[in-house]
C-alpha atoms as a PDB file:
ATOM      1  CA  MET A   1     -16.233 -18.664  21.807  1.00  0.00           C
ATOM      2  CA  ILE A   2     -16.597 -14.853  21.396  1.00  0.00           C
ATOM      3  CA  GLY A   3     -13.818 -15.090  18.930  1.00  0.00           C
ATOM      4  CA  HIS A   4     -16.053 -17.674  16.611  1.00  0.00           C
ATOM      5  CA  PHE A   5     -18.907 -15.662  17.227  1.00  0.00           C
ATOM      6  CA  VAL A   6     -17.179 -12.441  16.110  1.00  0.00           C
ATOM      7  CA  LEU A   7     -15.644 -14.175  12.959  1.00  0.00           C
ATOM      8  CA  ARG A   8     -19.183 -15.864  11.758  1.00  0.00           C
ATOM      9  CA  LEU A   9     -20.802 -12.461  12.276  1.00  0.00           C
ATOM     10  CA  LEU A  10     -17.961 -10.565  10.224  1.00  0.00           C
ATOM     11  CA  ILE A  11     -18.453 -13.324   7.539  1.00  0.00           C
ATOM     12  CA  TRP A  12     -22.167 -12.540   7.296  1.00  0.00           C
ATOM     13  CA  PHE A  13     -21.704  -9.186   6.916  1.00  0.00           C
ATOM     14  CA  LEU A  14     -19.104  -9.619   4.306  1.00  0.00           C
ATOM     15  CA  LEU A  15     -21.536 -11.850   2.457  1.00  0.00           C
ATOM     16  CA  THR A  16     -24.428  -9.294   2.854  1.00  0.00           C
ATOM     17  CA  ALA A  17     -23.025  -6.017   2.915  1.00  0.00           C
ATOM     18  CA  ASN A  18     -26.020  -5.009   4.693  1.00  0.00           C
ATOM     19  CA  PHE A  19     -25.843  -3.342   8.210  1.00  0.00           C
ATOM     20  CA  THR A  20     -29.249  -2.702   8.718  1.00  0.00           C
ATOM     21  CA  VAL A  21     -30.859  -3.927  12.163  1.00  0.00           C
ATOM     22  CA  ALA A  22     -32.929  -6.812  10.848  1.00  0.00           C
ATOM     23  CA  ASN A  23     -29.693  -8.084   9.099  1.00  0.00           C
ATOM     24  CA  THR A  24     -27.673  -7.781  11.892  1.00  0.00           C
ATOM     25  CA  ILE A  25     -30.474  -9.759  14.027  1.00  0.00           C
ATOM     26  CA  ILE A  26     -30.286 -12.290  11.504  1.00  0.00           C
ATOM     27  CA  GLY A  27     -26.425 -12.701  11.571  1.00  0.00           C
ATOM     28  CA  ILE A  28     -26.245 -12.875  15.194  1.00  0.00           C
ATOM     29  CA  CYS A  29     -29.110 -15.680  15.072  1.00  0.00           C
ATOM     30  CA  ILE A  30     -27.098 -17.644  12.339  1.00  0.00           C
ATOM     31  CA  ALA A  31     -23.564 -17.184  14.090  1.00  0.00           C
ATOM     32  CA  VAL A  32     -25.313 -18.525  17.535  1.00  0.00           C
ATOM     33  CA  LEU A  33     -26.959 -21.474  15.751  1.00  0.00           C
ATOM     34  CA  LEU A  34     -24.006 -22.734  13.589  1.00  0.00           C
ATOM     35  CA  PRO A  35     -22.584 -25.733  15.076  1.00  0.00           C
ATOM     36  CA  ARG A  36     -19.054 -25.564  16.597  1.00  0.00           C
ATOM     37  CA  THR A  37     -16.461 -27.915  15.985  1.00  0.00           C
ATOM     38  CA  ASN A  38     -13.749 -29.425  18.018  1.00  0.00           C
ATOM     39  CA  ALA A  39     -11.151 -28.383  15.385  1.00  0.00           C
ATOM     40  CA  THR A  40      -7.587 -27.429  16.266  1.00  0.00           C
ATOM     41  CA  ARG A  41      -7.033 -24.065  17.798  1.00  0.00           C
ATOM     42  CA  GLU A  42      -5.132 -21.597  15.927  1.00  0.00           C
ATOM     43  CA  THR A  43      -2.584 -19.442  17.360  1.00  0.00           C
ATOM     44  CA  LEU A  44      -1.995 -15.652  16.999  1.00  0.00           C
ATOM     45  CA  LYS A  45       0.926 -16.274  14.718  1.00  0.00           C
ATOM     46  CA  ASP A  46      -1.734 -17.991  12.087  1.00  0.00           C
ATOM     47  CA  TRP A  47      -4.247 -15.040  12.591  1.00  0.00           C
ATOM     48  CA  PHE A  48      -2.093 -12.029  11.994  1.00  0.00           C
ATOM     49  CA  PRO A  49      -1.311 -13.164   8.284  1.00  0.00           C
ATOM     50  CA  MET A  50      -4.918 -14.345   7.839  1.00  0.00           C
ATOM     51  CA  LEU A  51      -6.042 -10.876   9.159  1.00  0.00           C
ATOM     52  CA  TRP A  52      -3.623  -8.753   6.729  1.00  0.00           C
ATOM     53  CA  LYS A  53      -5.142 -10.864   3.894  1.00  0.00           C
ATOM     54  CA  ILE A  54      -8.553  -9.842   4.769  1.00  0.00           C
ATOM     55  CA  ILE A  55      -7.594  -6.145   4.875  1.00  0.00           C
ATOM     56  CA  LEU A  56      -5.897  -6.474   1.386  1.00  0.00           C
ATOM     57  CA  VAL A  57      -8.660  -8.480  -0.208  1.00  0.00           C
ATOM     58  CA  VAL A  58     -11.462  -6.037  -0.091  1.00  0.00           C
ATOM     59  CA  PRO A  59      -9.581  -3.179  -2.238  1.00  0.00           C
ATOM     60  CA  GLN A  60      -8.535  -5.924  -4.427  1.00  0.00           C
ATOM     61  CA  ALA A  61     -12.089  -7.282  -4.918  1.00  0.00           C
ATOM     62  CA  TYR A  62     -13.123  -3.489  -5.786  1.00  0.00           C
ATOM     63  CA  ILE A  63     -10.365  -3.262  -8.159  1.00  0.00           C
ATOM     64  CA  GLU A  64     -10.978  -6.248 -10.083  1.00  0.00           C
ATOM     65  CA  ALA A  65     -14.714  -5.626 -10.329  1.00  0.00           C
ATOM     66  CA  PHE A  66     -13.893  -2.365 -11.843  1.00  0.00           C
ATOM     67  CA  GLU A  67     -11.379  -3.909 -14.311  1.00  0.00           C
ATOM     68  CA  LEU A  68     -14.203  -6.560 -15.377  1.00  0.00           C
ATOM     69  CA  LEU A  69     -16.487  -3.576 -16.105  1.00  0.00           C
ATOM     70  CA  VAL A  70     -14.014  -1.561 -18.172  1.00  0.00           C
ATOM     71  CA  ARG A  71     -11.963  -4.168 -19.883  1.00  0.00           C
ATOM     72  CA  PRO A  72     -12.840  -7.538 -21.139  1.00  0.00           C
ATOM     73  CA  HIS A  73     -11.347 -10.721 -20.021  1.00  0.00           C
ATOM     74  CA  LYS A  74     -11.286 -13.448 -22.672  1.00  0.00           C
ATOM     75  CA  TYR A  75      -9.076 -16.116 -21.129  1.00  0.00           C
ATOM     76  CA  GLU A  76      -9.345 -18.593 -18.305  1.00  0.00           C
ATOM     77  CA  GLU A  77      -7.348 -21.048 -16.752  1.00  0.00           C
ATOM     78  CA  VAL A  78      -7.629 -23.663 -13.812  1.00  0.00           C
ATOM     79  CA  VAL A  79      -4.443 -23.353 -11.842  1.00  0.00           C
ATOM     80  CA  MET A  80      -3.609 -25.420  -8.504  1.00  0.00           C
ATOM     81  CA  GLU A  81      -2.170 -23.155  -5.651  1.00  0.00           C
ATOM     82  CA  ARG A  82      -0.464 -24.563  -2.497  1.00  0.00           C
ATOM     83  CA  VAL A  83      -2.301 -24.650   0.859  1.00  0.00           C
ATOM     84  CA  LEU A  84       0.336 -23.571   3.557  1.00  0.00           C
ATOM     85  CA  SER A  85       1.270 -26.764   5.525  1.00  0.00           C
ATOM     86  CA  LYS A  86      -0.685 -27.596   8.464  1.00  0.00           C
ATOM     87  CA  ARG A  87      -3.693 -25.669   8.029  1.00  0.00           C
ATOM     88  CA  SER A  88      -6.797 -25.805  10.362  1.00  0.00           C
ATOM     89  CA  PRO A  89      -9.943 -26.512   8.919  1.00  0.00           C
ATOM     90  CA  ARG A  90     -10.958 -22.819   9.921  1.00  0.00           C
ATOM     91  CA  MET A  91      -7.872 -21.310   8.276  1.00  0.00           C
ATOM     92  CA  ILE A  92      -8.333 -23.398   5.235  1.00  0.00           C
ATOM     93  CA  PHE A  93     -12.263 -22.072   5.197  1.00  0.00           C
ATOM     94  CA  LEU A  94     -10.992 -18.571   5.292  1.00  0.00           C
ATOM     95  CA  ASP A  95      -8.197 -19.166   2.664  1.00  0.00           C
ATOM     96  CA  VAL A  96     -11.003 -20.394   0.241  1.00  0.00           C
ATOM     97  CA  PHE A  97     -13.085 -17.645   1.257  1.00  0.00           C
ATOM     98  CA  LEU A  98     -10.931 -14.848   0.627  1.00  0.00           C
ATOM     99  CA  ILE A  99      -9.844 -16.652  -2.757  1.00  0.00           C
ATOM    100  CA  THR A 100     -13.809 -16.543  -3.832  1.00  0.00           C
ATOM    101  CA  PHE A 101     -14.207 -13.269  -2.452  1.00  0.00           C
ATOM    102  CA  THR A 102     -12.326 -11.598  -5.405  1.00  0.00           C
ATOM    103  CA  PRO A 103     -14.303 -11.407  -8.842  1.00  0.00           C
ATOM    104  CA  LYS A 104     -11.635 -13.030 -10.961  1.00  0.00           C
ATOM    105  CA  THR A 105     -11.108 -16.284  -8.924  1.00  0.00           C
ATOM    106  CA  ILE A 106     -13.133 -18.964  -7.651  1.00  0.00           C
ATOM    107  CA  VAL A 107     -12.086 -22.084  -5.741  1.00  0.00           C
ATOM    108  CA  LEU A 108     -13.237 -25.392  -7.604  1.00  0.00           C
ATOM    109  CA  LYS A 109     -12.130 -27.842  -5.268  1.00  0.00           C
ATOM    110  CA  TYR A 110      -9.817 -28.384  -2.277  1.00  0.00           C
ATOM    111  CA  HIS A 111      -7.703 -31.349  -2.463  1.00  0.00           C
ATOM    112  CA  GLU A 112      -6.757 -33.235   0.947  1.00  0.00           C
ATOM    113  CA  GLU A 113      -3.228 -33.386  -0.504  1.00  0.00           C
ATOM    114  CA  GLY A 114      -2.716 -29.604   0.229  1.00  0.00           C
ATOM    115  CA  TRP A 115      -3.882 -28.001  -2.900  1.00  0.00           C
ATOM    116  CA  TYR A 116      -6.626 -25.538  -4.024  1.00  0.00           C
ATOM    117  CA  GLU A 117      -7.993 -26.091  -7.323  1.00  0.00           C
ATOM    118  CA  VAL A 118      -8.459 -22.159  -8.386  1.00  0.00           C
ATOM    119  CA  HIS A 119     -10.392 -20.908 -11.710  1.00  0.00           C
ATOM    120  CA  GLN A 120      -9.189 -17.761 -12.778  1.00  0.00           C
ATOM    121  CA  ILE A 121      -9.994 -15.266 -15.741  1.00  0.00           C
ATOM    122  CA  ARG A 122      -7.421 -13.246 -17.216  1.00  0.00           C
ATOM    123  CA  ARG A 123      -6.788 -10.406 -19.931  1.00  0.00           C
ATOM    124  CA  ARG A 124      -3.914 -12.266 -21.477  1.00  0.00           C
ATOM    125  CA  ARG A 125      -3.180 -15.471 -22.328  1.00  0.00           C
ATOM    126  CA  SER A 126      -0.547 -16.884 -19.726  1.00  0.00           C
ATOM    127  CA  PRO A 127       2.708 -18.073 -21.152  1.00  0.00           C
END
């Protein structure tokens, strides 16, 4: 229960980037009021790689945002990325959130067969 609350509050802070008292109270209210699911439970083996991805994606987002300001990106493409096998809905949500958090990519659709449809922008045409 505490883990879900902390995760929801962390996502709230990542989305708003605002640590004022009022925003913290709103985030706590939202984290408490969001419905809970009876989804499968993740193990620490599932969480450690995800936590590492979270640590890596924040600087990557800043770098990509700076690149978008400095250099134009003229090409775009839609690619299919494979979902790791047997992911829980919570882990799939975090995957989609982390892909979309970076400015150059956004998940367009999640396919139940185990694929993400991802829109990317690039500086050069892909081979």
